[in-house]
Amino acid sequence: MVSHRFSTVRNAGKIVVIDDGRIIEAGSHQELLKKNGKYAQMFKTQAKGYK
């Protein structure tokens, strides 16, 4: 599945983050938030729009 909305994928068992055609991160929602990488940055940016 390809998604641009985090609410769609946050319950997936494994999430893969692709940037410029390369896999840069992979893991569950919680694992990716703990890594504080690109996924966490994008999640926080999108979450601000819902507050």
PDB file of N, CA and C in Angstrom:
ATOM      1  N   MET A   1       0.845  -1.161   0.000  1.00  0.00           N
ATOM      2  CA  MET A   1       0.000   0.000   0.000  1.00  0.00           C
ATOM      3  C   MET A   1       0.897   1.233   0.000  1.00  0.00           C
ATOM      4  N   VAL A   2       0.517   2.195  -0.732  1.00  0.00           N
ATOM      5  CA  VAL A   2       1.193   3.487  -0.717  1.00  0.00           C
ATOM      6  C   VAL A   2       0.226   4.486  -0.109  1.00  0.00           C
ATOM      7  N   SER A   3       0.709   5.248   0.857  1.00  0.00           N
ATOM      8  CA  SER A   3      -0.177   6.201   1.525  1.00  0.00           C
ATOM      9  C   SER A   3       0.572   7.472   1.877  1.00  0.00           C
ATOM     10  N   HIS A   4      -0.143   8.560   1.829  1.00  0.00           N
ATOM     11  CA  HIS A   4       0.417   9.844   2.241  1.00  0.00           C
ATOM     12  C   HIS A   4      -0.192  10.293   3.559  1.00  0.00           C
ATOM     13  N   ARG A   5      -1.145   9.519   4.066  1.00  0.00           N
ATOM     14  CA  ARG A   5      -1.795   9.848   5.338  1.00  0.00           C
ATOM     15  C   ARG A   5      -1.354   8.849   6.401  1.00  0.00           C
ATOM     16  N   PHE A   6      -0.844   9.364   7.474  1.00  0.00           N
ATOM     17  CA  PHE A   6      -0.312   8.502   8.521  1.00  0.00           C
ATOM     18  C   PHE A   6      -1.402   7.736   9.248  1.00  0.00           C
ATOM     19  N   SER A   7      -2.612   8.265   9.282  1.00  0.00           N
ATOM     20  CA  SER A   7      -3.709   7.554   9.936  1.00  0.00           C
ATOM     21  C   SER A   7      -4.002   6.239   9.219  1.00  0.00           C
ATOM     22  N   THR A   8      -3.670   6.159   7.942  1.00  0.00           N
ATOM     23  CA  THR A   8      -3.900   4.946   7.159  1.00  0.00           C
ATOM     24  C   THR A   8      -2.888   3.858   7.504  1.00  0.00           C
ATOM     25  N   VAL A   9      -1.655   4.208   7.779  1.00  0.00           N
ATOM     26  CA  VAL A   9      -0.592   3.208   7.948  1.00  0.00           C
ATOM     27  C   VAL A   9      -0.134   2.992   9.384  1.00  0.00           C
ATOM     28  N   ARG A  10      -0.557   3.805  10.307  1.00  0.00           N
ATOM     29  CA  ARG A  10       0.004   3.728  11.662  1.00  0.00           C
ATOM     30  C   ARG A  10      -0.236   2.391  12.348  1.00  0.00           C
ATOM     31  N   ASN A  11      -1.248   1.625  11.938  1.00  0.00           N
ATOM     32  CA  ASN A  11      -1.507   0.311  12.533  1.00  0.00           C
ATOM     33  C   ASN A  11      -0.905  -0.838  11.729  1.00  0.00           C
ATOM     34  N   ALA A  12      -0.183  -0.529  10.669  1.00  0.00           N
ATOM     35  CA  ALA A  12       0.462  -1.569   9.861  1.00  0.00           C
ATOM     36  C   ALA A  12       1.584  -2.222  10.661  1.00  0.00           C
ATOM     37  N   GLY A  13       1.827  -3.495  10.394  1.00  0.00           N
ATOM     38  CA  GLY A  13       2.891  -4.212  11.083  1.00  0.00           C
ATOM     39  C   GLY A  13       4.273  -3.704  10.722  1.00  0.00           C
ATOM     40  N   LYS A  14       4.438  -3.285   9.477  1.00  0.00           N
ATOM     41  CA  LYS A  14       5.728  -2.757   9.024  1.00  0.00           C
ATOM     42  C   LYS A  14       5.480  -1.608   8.056  1.00  0.00           C
ATOM     43  N   ILE A  15       6.177  -0.521   8.283  1.00  0.00           N
ATOM     44  CA  ILE A  15       6.087   0.668   7.441  1.00  0.00           C
ATOM     45  C   ILE A  15       7.461   0.882   6.821  1.00  0.00           C
ATOM     46  N   VAL A  16       7.486   1.144   5.535  1.00  0.00           N
ATOM     47  CA  VAL A  16       8.737   1.393   4.823  1.00  0.00           C
ATOM     48  C   VAL A  16       8.699   2.828   4.302  1.00  0.00           C
ATOM     49  N   VAL A  17       9.721   3.598   4.631  1.00  0.00           N
ATOM     50  CA  VAL A  17       9.812   4.990   4.192  1.00  0.00           C
ATOM     51  C   VAL A  17      10.779   5.047   3.015  1.00  0.00           C
ATOM     52  N   ILE A  18      10.290   5.558   1.899  1.00  0.00           N
ATOM     53  CA  ILE A  18      11.094   5.657   0.684  1.00  0.00           C
ATOM     54  C   ILE A  18      11.324   7.128   0.363  1.00  0.00           C
ATOM     55  N   ASP A  19      12.574   7.477   0.143  1.00  0.00           N
ATOM     56  CA  ASP A  19      12.933   8.853  -0.202  1.00  0.00           C
ATOM     57  C   ASP A  19      13.845   8.808  -1.419  1.00  0.00           C
ATOM     58  N   ASP A  20      13.466   9.508  -2.449  1.00  0.00           N
ATOM     59  CA  ASP A  20      14.254   9.559  -3.681  1.00  0.00           C
ATOM     60  C   ASP A  20      14.525   8.153  -4.226  1.00  0.00           C
ATOM     61  N   GLY A  21      13.512   7.266  -4.128  1.00  0.00           N
ATOM     62  CA  GLY A  21      13.616   5.918  -4.670  1.00  0.00           C
ATOM     63  C   GLY A  21      14.375   4.927  -3.812  1.00  0.00           C
ATOM     64  N   ARG A  22      14.815   5.346  -2.623  1.00  0.00           N
ATOM     65  CA  ARG A  22      15.581   4.448  -1.744  1.00  0.00           C
ATOM     66  C   ARG A  22      14.871   4.268  -0.414  1.00  0.00           C
ATOM     67  N   ILE A  23      14.951   3.061   0.135  1.00  0.00           N
ATOM     68  CA  ILE A  23      14.400   2.796   1.461  1.00  0.00           C
ATOM     69  C   ILE A  23      15.335   3.428   2.482  1.00  0.00           C
ATOM     70  N   ILE A  24      14.790   4.338   3.294  1.00  0.00           N
ATOM     71  CA  ILE A  24      15.629   5.018   4.282  1.00  0.00           C
ATOM     72  C   ILE A  24      15.284   4.616   5.711  1.00  0.00           C
ATOM     73  N   GLU A  25      14.073   4.074   5.920  1.00  0.00           N
ATOM     74  CA  GLU A  25      13.659   3.636   7.248  1.00  0.00           C
ATOM     75  C   GLU A  25      12.622   2.534   7.092  1.00  0.00           C
ATOM     76  N   ALA A  26      12.554   1.654   8.092  1.00  0.00           N
ATOM     77  CA  ALA A  26      11.523   0.623   8.113  1.00  0.00           C
ATOM     78  C   ALA A  26      11.274   0.215   9.556  1.00  0.00           C
ATOM     79  N   GLY A  27      10.024  -0.106   9.862  1.00  0.00           N
ATOM     80  CA  GLY A  27       9.656  -0.547  11.201  1.00  0.00           C
ATOM     81  C   GLY A  27       8.191  -0.271  11.467  1.00  0.00           C
ATOM     82  N   SER A  28       7.771  -0.527  12.688  1.00  0.00           N
ATOM     83  CA  SER A  28       6.395  -0.214  13.073  1.00  0.00           C
ATOM     84  C   SER A  28       6.281   1.288  13.327  1.00  0.00           C
ATOM     85  N   HIS A  29       5.064   1.747  13.483  1.00  0.00           N
ATOM     86  CA  HIS A  29       4.829   3.166  13.764  1.00  0.00           C
ATOM     87  C   HIS A  29       5.626   3.600  14.997  1.00  0.00           C
ATOM     88  N   GLN A  30       5.518   2.842  16.076  1.00  0.00           N
ATOM     89  CA  GLN A  30       6.220   3.196  17.314  1.00  0.00           C
ATOM     90  C   GLN A  30       7.736   3.157  17.145  1.00  0.00           C
ATOM     91  N   GLU A  31       8.243   2.144  16.442  1.00  0.00           N
ATOM     92  CA  GLU A  31       9.691   2.051  16.215  1.00  0.00           C
ATOM     93  C   GLU A  31      10.207   3.254  15.424  1.00  0.00           C
ATOM     94  N   LEU A  32       9.456   3.645  14.412  1.00  0.00           N
ATOM     95  CA  LEU A  32       9.886   4.773  13.583  1.00  0.00           C
ATOM     96  C   LEU A  32       9.809   6.089  14.339  1.00  0.00           C
ATOM     97  N   LEU A  33       8.828   6.236  15.213  1.00  0.00           N
ATOM     98  CA  LEU A  33       8.772   7.449  16.033  1.00  0.00           C
ATOM     99  C   LEU A  33       9.965   7.510  16.981  1.00  0.00           C
ATOM    100  N   LYS A  34      10.342   6.363  17.555  1.00  0.00           N
ATOM    101  CA  LYS A  34      11.487   6.321  18.475  1.00  0.00           C
ATOM    102  C   LYS A  34      12.799   6.661  17.769  1.00  0.00           C
ATOM    103  N   LYS A  35      12.913   6.297  16.485  1.00  0.00           N
ATOM    104  CA  LYS A  35      14.128   6.608  15.716  1.00  0.00           C
ATOM    105  C   LYS A  35      14.269   8.108  15.471  1.00  0.00           C
ATOM    106  N   ASN A  36      13.142   8.812  15.537  1.00  0.00           N
ATOM    107  CA  ASN A  36      13.122  10.269  15.361  1.00  0.00           C
ATOM    108  C   ASN A  36      13.755  10.708  14.034  1.00  0.00           C
ATOM    109  N   GLY A  37      13.492   9.912  12.996  1.00  0.00           N
ATOM    110  CA  GLY A  37      14.032  10.228  11.676  1.00  0.00           C
ATOM    111  C   GLY A  37      13.007  10.909  10.790  1.00  0.00           C
ATOM    112  N   LYS A  38      13.087  10.614   9.508  1.00  0.00           N
ATOM    113  CA  LYS A  38      12.221  11.243   8.509  1.00  0.00           C
ATOM    114  C   LYS A  38      10.744  10.942   8.770  1.00  0.00           C
ATOM    115  N   TYR A  39      10.424   9.688   9.107  1.00  0.00           N
ATOM    116  CA  TYR A  39       9.029   9.318   9.379  1.00  0.00           C
ATOM    117  C   TYR A  39       8.486  10.132  10.542  1.00  0.00           C
ATOM    118  N   ALA A  40       9.224  10.201  11.627  1.00  0.00           N
ATOM    119  CA  ALA A  40       8.777  10.952  12.809  1.00  0.00           C
ATOM    120  C   ALA A  40       8.588  12.423  12.470  1.00  0.00           C
ATOM    121  N   GLN A  41       9.492  12.972  11.697  1.00  0.00           N
ATOM    122  CA  GLN A  41       9.399  14.378  11.290  1.00  0.00           C
ATOM    123  C   GLN A  41       8.127  14.614  10.480  1.00  0.00           C
ATOM    124  N   MET A  42       7.865  13.747   9.515  1.00  0.00           N
ATOM    125  CA  MET A  42       6.675  13.908   8.674  1.00  0.00           C
ATOM    126  C   MET A  42       5.395  13.672   9.473  1.00  0.00           C
ATOM    127  N   PHE A  43       5.423  12.697  10.386  1.00  0.00           N
ATOM    128  CA  PHE A  43       4.251  12.415  11.215  1.00  0.00           C
ATOM    129  C   PHE A  43       3.899  13.625  12.076  1.00  0.00           C
ATOM    130  N   LYS A  44       4.906  14.200  12.705  1.00  0.00           N
ATOM    131  CA  LYS A  44       4.673  15.368  13.566  1.00  0.00           C
ATOM    132  C   LYS A  44       4.153  16.557  12.762  1.00  0.00           C
ATOM    133  N   THR A  45       4.689  16.746  11.566  1.00  0.00           N
ATOM    134  CA  THR A  45       4.229  17.839  10.708  1.00  0.00           C
ATOM    135  C   THR A  45       2.765  17.647  10.334  1.00  0.00           C
ATOM    136  N   GLN A  46       2.394  16.432   9.961  1.00  0.00           N
ATOM    137  CA  GLN A  46       1.009  16.172   9.577  1.00  0.00           C
ATOM    138  C   GLN A  46       0.084  16.251  10.788  1.00  0.00           C
ATOM    139  N   ALA A  47       0.532  15.786  11.939  1.00  0.00           N
ATOM    140  CA  ALA A  47      -0.296  15.802  13.148  1.00  0.00           C
ATOM    141  C   ALA A  47      -0.627  17.227  13.582  1.00  0.00           C
ATOM    142  N   LYS A  48       0.275  18.165  13.344  1.00  0.00           N
ATOM    143  CA  LYS A  48       0.020  19.568  13.699  1.00  0.00           C
ATOM    144  C   LYS A  48      -1.219  20.099  12.987  1.00  0.00           C
ATOM    145  N   GLY A  49      -1.464  19.618  11.792  1.00  0.00           N
ATOM    146  CA  GLY A  49      -2.610  20.062  11.019  1.00  0.00           C
ATOM    147  C   GLY A  49      -3.940  19.607  11.582  1.00  0.00           C
ATOM    148  N   TYR A  50      -3.915  18.600  12.456  1.00  0.00           N
ATOM    149  CA  TYR A  50      -5.148  18.059  13.023  1.00  0.00           C
ATOM    150  C   TYR A  50      -5.421  18.570  14.423  1.00  0.00           C
ATOM    151  N   LYS A  51      -4.518  19.352  14.982  1.00  0.00           N
ATOM    152  CA  LYS A  51      -4.705  19.858  16.352  1.00  0.00           C
ATOM    153  C   LYS A  51      -5.494  21.137  16.350  1.00  0.00           C
TER     154      LYS A  51
END
